[in-house]
Amino acid sequence: MNLYFLLVFVLAVPFWLWGGGKLPLPINLPAGALVAFVPMAAACAVTYRQQGRAGVVHLLKRTFDFHRTANGIWFLPALLLPPLIYALSYAILRWTGRPLPETVEIPLSMAPVFFAMFFVGGAGEELGWSAHAIDPMQDRWGVARASLALGVVWAIWHSIPYMQTGNSAAWIMWQSAQTVGLRVLLVWIYNRAGRSAFAAILMHVTANMSWSLFPNFGSHYDPMVTSVVVWAAAAIVLLGWRTAPSGVTSQAS
């Protein structure tokens, strides 16, 4: 596992050094966002070393491992929880009188494009974070500690792309806090869906789509407000894990 995390950071260095240019998209994403494929690449490298080609093929097939999910109802929160979080964030922004555009534009026509783009990127990340990294972590440390630890690693790993988009230190701090909370929710969905990487990918996609469709193309997204909403949901999940009866496995949590 130490080799995996070492590779995740080492392979990301070129994207951090030369990924400062903006991608040709209406949303504010640097070229360094292509680092999303590094977790999958690192997982494939470690898996090949341990299990050979067959292990890598099995890992890649987990992109669509929805057959692991005994109850398909868990795909609903994967799809709907992030949009709900961002809708609540927008409502709080309006209620508190924080800056919002005079003309609100929610570019729904771009939703299919964003879904396809973020599904590919989400698979690149979650085949590493979920399909490869989280299981040994939560089997060793328990689901709550593992999800928080992986969330911190995830936030640190994202910090350079956050800087590349020209954000302030305060923005990066709040976005990092939101990132840790979101990982808690991703691990929750992953486990409840039978340790399905597809479920985690789906939630990753809808989280990115919700940010991209936020008025206007995410230009008025406020990570402080969204972080509060995300952590309210994450706190409920963490409390549920803490109060779960003894003998309940992390998979069932």
Protein backbone atom coordinates (compact mmCIF):
# COMPACT_ATOMS: atom_id res chain seq x y z
CA MET A 1 0.00 0.00 0.00
CA ASN A 2 2.90 2.36 0.71
CA LEU A 3 4.15 1.74 -2.84
CA TYR A 4 0.74 2.71 -4.23
CA PHE A 5 0.63 6.07 -2.45
CA LEU A 6 4.25 6.77 -3.38
CA LEU A 7 3.41 6.17 -7.05
CA VAL A 8 0.27 8.33 -6.82
CA PHE A 9 2.37 11.32 -5.79
CA VAL A 10 5.43 10.64 -7.96
CA LEU A 11 3.40 10.12 -11.14
CA ALA A 12 1.46 13.32 -10.41
CA VAL A 13 4.57 15.52 -10.42
CA PRO A 14 4.64 16.18 -14.22
CA PHE A 15 0.98 17.29 -14.11
CA TRP A 16 1.74 19.59 -11.18
CA LEU A 17 4.80 21.09 -12.85
CA TRP A 18 3.45 21.58 -16.37
CA GLY A 19 -0.33 21.50 -15.97
CA GLY A 20 -0.96 25.14 -15.16
CA GLY A 21 -2.63 26.01 -18.47
CA LYS A 22 -6.43 26.09 -18.63
CA LEU A 23 -8.28 23.30 -20.40
CA PRO A 24 -10.48 24.45 -23.33
CA LEU A 25 -13.68 24.15 -21.30
CA PRO A 26 -16.23 26.67 -19.98
CA ILE A 27 -15.40 25.58 -16.41
CA ASN A 28 -12.23 26.55 -14.56
CA LEU A 29 -10.10 23.41 -14.86
CA PRO A 30 -6.33 23.40 -15.37
CA ALA A 31 -4.52 20.97 -17.65
CA GLY A 32 -3.23 19.52 -14.40
CA ALA A 33 -6.71 18.07 -13.84
CA LEU A 34 -5.62 15.27 -16.16
CA VAL A 35 -3.82 13.95 -13.08
CA ALA A 36 -7.16 12.18 -12.50
CA PHE A 37 -5.77 9.19 -14.41
CA VAL A 38 -2.80 8.78 -12.06
CA PRO A 39 -4.60 6.81 -9.28
CA MET A 40 -5.71 4.23 -11.86
CA ALA A 41 -2.22 4.07 -13.40
CA ALA A 42 -0.61 3.59 -9.99
CA ALA A 43 -3.16 0.91 -9.06
CA CYS A 44 -2.53 -0.93 -12.35
CA ALA A 45 1.23 -0.83 -11.80
CA VAL A 46 1.00 -2.22 -8.25
CA THR A 47 -1.61 -4.80 -9.26
CA TYR A 48 0.49 -5.98 -12.20
CA ARG A 49 3.47 -6.43 -9.91
CA GLN A 50 1.42 -8.50 -7.45
CA GLN A 51 -1.09 -10.34 -9.67
CA GLY A 52 0.06 -9.96 -13.25
CA ARG A 53 -2.05 -9.12 -16.29
CA ALA A 54 -5.13 -10.96 -15.01
CA GLY A 55 -5.20 -8.77 -11.90
CA VAL A 56 -5.04 -5.60 -13.99
CA VAL A 57 -7.88 -6.79 -16.23
CA HIS A 58 -9.98 -7.55 -13.15
CA LEU A 59 -9.23 -4.10 -11.72
CA LEU A 60 -10.25 -2.33 -14.93
CA LYS A 61 -13.46 -4.35 -15.13
CA ARG A 62 -14.49 -2.92 -11.78
CA THR A 63 -15.39 0.27 -13.64
CA PHE A 64 -18.76 -1.42 -14.23
CA ASP A 65 -18.97 -3.73 -11.20
CA PHE A 66 -22.60 -2.83 -10.44
CA HIS A 67 -23.31 -6.57 -10.12
CA ARG A 68 -21.72 -6.34 -6.65
CA THR A 69 -24.67 -4.28 -5.45
CA ALA A 70 -27.37 -6.49 -3.94
CA ASN A 71 -29.80 -3.58 -3.60
CA GLY A 72 -29.79 -1.11 -6.49
CA ILE A 73 -31.46 1.50 -4.28
CA TRP A 74 -27.94 2.62 -3.28
CA PHE A 75 -27.35 4.02 -6.74
CA LEU A 76 -29.98 6.68 -5.95
CA PRO A 77 -27.96 8.51 -3.26
CA ALA A 78 -24.91 8.18 -5.50
CA LEU A 79 -26.84 10.07 -8.16
CA LEU A 80 -28.92 12.43 -6.03
CA LEU A 81 -26.92 13.31 -2.90
CA PRO A 82 -24.35 15.60 -4.59
CA PRO A 83 -27.01 17.63 -6.50
CA LEU A 84 -28.94 17.98 -3.23
CA ILE A 85 -25.80 19.21 -1.45
CA TYR A 86 -25.16 21.82 -4.12
CA ALA A 87 -28.82 22.88 -4.21
CA LEU A 88 -28.70 23.44 -0.45
CA SER A 89 -25.44 25.36 -0.90
CA TYR A 90 -27.11 27.65 -3.42
CA ALA A 91 -30.10 28.16 -1.11
CA ILE A 92 -27.75 29.13 1.74
CA LEU A 93 -25.91 31.57 -0.53
CA ARG A 94 -29.20 33.25 -1.42
CA TRP A 95 -30.45 33.23 2.17
CA THR A 96 -27.26 34.79 3.53
CA GLY A 97 -27.01 37.36 0.74
CA ARG A 98 -23.64 36.18 -0.53
CA PRO A 99 -22.54 37.21 -4.06
CA LEU A 100 -24.49 35.53 -6.86
CA PRO A 101 -24.85 36.37 -10.56
CA GLU A 102 -27.70 38.68 -11.49
CA THR A 103 -28.65 36.29 -14.28
CA VAL A 104 -28.49 32.71 -13.11
CA GLU A 105 -27.48 30.24 -15.81
CA ILE A 106 -27.60 26.49 -15.20
CA PRO A 107 -26.15 25.03 -18.44
CA LEU A 108 -28.18 21.82 -18.51
CA SER A 109 -27.46 21.36 -22.21
CA MET A 110 -23.86 20.63 -21.20
CA ALA A 111 -24.88 17.91 -18.74
CA PRO A 112 -24.34 14.96 -21.16
CA VAL A 113 -20.89 16.31 -22.10
CA PHE A 114 -19.95 16.79 -18.45
CA PHE A 115 -21.26 13.33 -17.55
CA ALA A 116 -19.12 11.62 -20.20
CA MET A 117 -16.04 13.68 -19.36
CA PHE A 118 -16.33 13.24 -15.61
CA PHE A 119 -17.17 9.54 -15.88
CA VAL A 120 -13.85 8.90 -17.60
CA GLY A 121 -12.00 11.04 -15.07
CA GLY A 122 -13.96 9.59 -12.15
CA ALA A 123 -13.07 6.07 -13.23
CA GLY A 124 -9.44 7.16 -13.45
CA GLU A 125 -9.57 8.20 -9.81
CA GLU A 126 -11.90 5.65 -8.22
CA LEU A 127 -10.21 2.59 -9.74
CA GLY A 128 -7.32 3.75 -7.57
CA TRP A 129 -8.90 5.27 -4.46
CA SER A 130 -11.89 2.90 -4.15
CA ALA A 131 -11.18 -0.30 -6.10
CA HIS A 132 -7.55 -0.54 -4.94
CA ALA A 133 -6.76 1.57 -1.86
CA ILE A 134 -9.72 1.74 0.51
CA ASP A 135 -10.36 -1.97 1.18
CA PRO A 136 -7.03 -2.81 2.86
CA MET A 137 -7.19 0.51 4.73
CA GLN A 138 -10.64 -0.04 6.20
CA ASP A 139 -9.99 -3.72 6.87
CA ARG A 140 -6.99 -2.67 8.95
CA TRP A 141 -8.14 0.58 10.59
CA GLY A 142 -11.92 0.49 10.40
CA VAL A 143 -14.10 2.34 7.94
CA ALA A 144 -14.25 5.73 9.72
CA ARG A 145 -10.51 6.14 10.22
CA ALA A 146 -9.76 4.79 6.76
CA SER A 147 -12.18 7.15 5.01
CA LEU A 148 -10.81 10.18 6.89
CA ALA A 149 -7.19 9.18 6.23
CA LEU A 150 -7.84 8.62 2.53
CA GLY A 151 -9.76 11.91 2.43
CA VAL A 152 -6.75 13.79 3.79
CA VAL A 153 -4.46 12.14 1.22
CA TRP A 154 -6.99 12.98 -1.50
CA ALA A 155 -7.15 16.63 -0.43
CA ILE A 156 -3.35 17.01 -0.31
CA TRP A 157 -3.09 15.35 -3.73
CA HIS A 158 -5.64 17.83 -5.14
CA SER A 159 -4.02 20.90 -3.60
CA ILE A 160 -1.72 21.68 -6.55
CA PRO A 161 -4.56 21.68 -9.14
CA TYR A 162 -6.49 23.95 -6.74
CA MET A 163 -3.54 26.34 -6.82
CA GLN A 164 -3.20 26.06 -10.60
CA THR A 165 -6.65 27.59 -11.05
CA GLY A 166 -5.56 30.74 -9.23
CA ASN A 167 -7.66 30.28 -6.11
CA SER A 168 -6.98 32.04 -2.82
CA ALA A 169 -5.51 30.27 0.22
CA ALA A 170 -8.89 30.49 1.97
CA TRP A 171 -10.65 28.93 -1.03
CA ILE A 172 -8.13 26.08 -1.10
CA MET A 173 -8.50 25.50 2.64
CA TRP A 174 -12.28 25.22 2.47
CA GLN A 175 -12.17 23.17 -0.72
CA SER A 176 -9.75 20.77 0.94
CA ALA A 177 -12.11 20.42 3.90
CA GLN A 178 -14.95 19.71 1.49
CA THR A 179 -12.79 17.13 -0.27
CA VAL A 180 -12.18 15.16 2.94
CA GLY A 181 -15.91 15.16 3.76
CA LEU A 182 -16.81 14.06 0.25
CA ARG A 183 -14.43 11.11 0.54
CA VAL A 184 -16.29 10.00 3.67
CA LEU A 185 -19.52 10.01 1.65
CA LEU A 186 -17.85 8.19 -1.25
CA VAL A 187 -16.61 5.42 1.05
CA TRP A 188 -20.09 5.18 2.58
CA ILE A 189 -21.69 4.72 -0.86
CA TYR A 190 -18.94 2.31 -1.92
CA ASN A 191 -19.56 0.09 1.10
CA ARG A 192 -23.34 0.26 1.07
CA ALA A 193 -23.33 -0.69 -2.62
CA GLY A 194 -21.40 -3.88 -1.91
CA ARG A 195 -17.95 -2.34 -2.34
CA SER A 196 -18.84 -1.29 -5.87
CA ALA A 197 -16.33 0.97 -7.59
CA PHE A 198 -19.07 1.82 -10.11
CA ALA A 199 -21.19 3.33 -7.32
CA ALA A 200 -18.23 5.44 -6.15
CA ILE A 201 -17.53 6.53 -9.73
CA LEU A 202 -21.19 7.50 -10.16
CA MET A 203 -21.13 9.68 -7.05
CA HIS A 204 -17.80 11.19 -8.07
CA VAL A 205 -19.32 12.07 -11.44
CA THR A 206 -22.46 13.68 -10.02
CA ALA A 207 -20.37 15.69 -7.54
CA ASN A 208 -18.25 17.11 -10.37
CA MET A 209 -21.31 17.70 -12.54
CA SER A 210 -23.07 19.54 -9.72
CA TRP A 211 -20.11 21.86 -9.33
CA SER A 212 -19.86 22.43 -13.11
CA LEU A 213 -23.58 23.20 -13.45
CA PHE A 214 -23.55 25.52 -10.42
CA PRO A 215 -24.32 29.11 -11.53
CA ASN A 216 -22.65 30.03 -13.79
CA PHE A 217 -20.40 27.13 -14.84
CA GLY A 218 -19.25 27.03 -11.23
CA SER A 219 -18.17 30.68 -11.21
CA HIS A 220 -20.08 31.42 -7.98
CA TYR A 221 -19.37 28.18 -6.20
CA ASP A 222 -18.39 28.87 -2.57
CA PRO A 223 -16.40 25.99 -1.02
CA MET A 224 -16.93 27.29 2.51
CA VAL A 225 -20.71 26.93 2.26
CA THR A 226 -20.55 23.60 0.42
CA SER A 227 -18.01 22.28 2.93
CA VAL A 228 -20.46 22.94 5.77
CA VAL A 229 -23.23 21.07 3.95
CA VAL A 230 -20.95 18.16 2.99
CA TRP A 231 -19.68 17.81 6.54
CA ALA A 232 -23.21 17.85 7.93
CA ALA A 233 -23.90 14.78 5.79
CA ALA A 234 -20.51 13.23 6.54
CA ALA A 235 -21.03 13.70 10.30
CA ILE A 236 -24.24 11.66 10.11
CA VAL A 237 -22.38 8.90 8.29
CA LEU A 238 -19.49 8.93 10.76
CA LEU A 239 -21.90 8.85 13.71
CA GLY A 240 -23.65 5.87 12.15
CA TRP A 241 -20.36 4.02 11.81
CA ARG A 242 -19.42 4.85 15.39
CA THR A 243 -22.71 3.62 16.81
CA ALA A 244 -23.01 0.52 14.60
CA PRO A 245 -23.45 -2.70 16.61
CA SER A 246 -20.33 -4.74 17.17
CA GLY A 247 -19.87 -7.42 14.56
CA VAL A 248 -21.12 -5.21 11.72
CA THR A 249 -18.48 -5.35 9.00
CA SER A 250 -17.19 -2.33 7.12
CA GLN A 251 -18.82 -3.69 3.99
CA ALA A 252 -22.23 -3.56 5.59
CA SER A 253 -21.66 -0.12 7.12
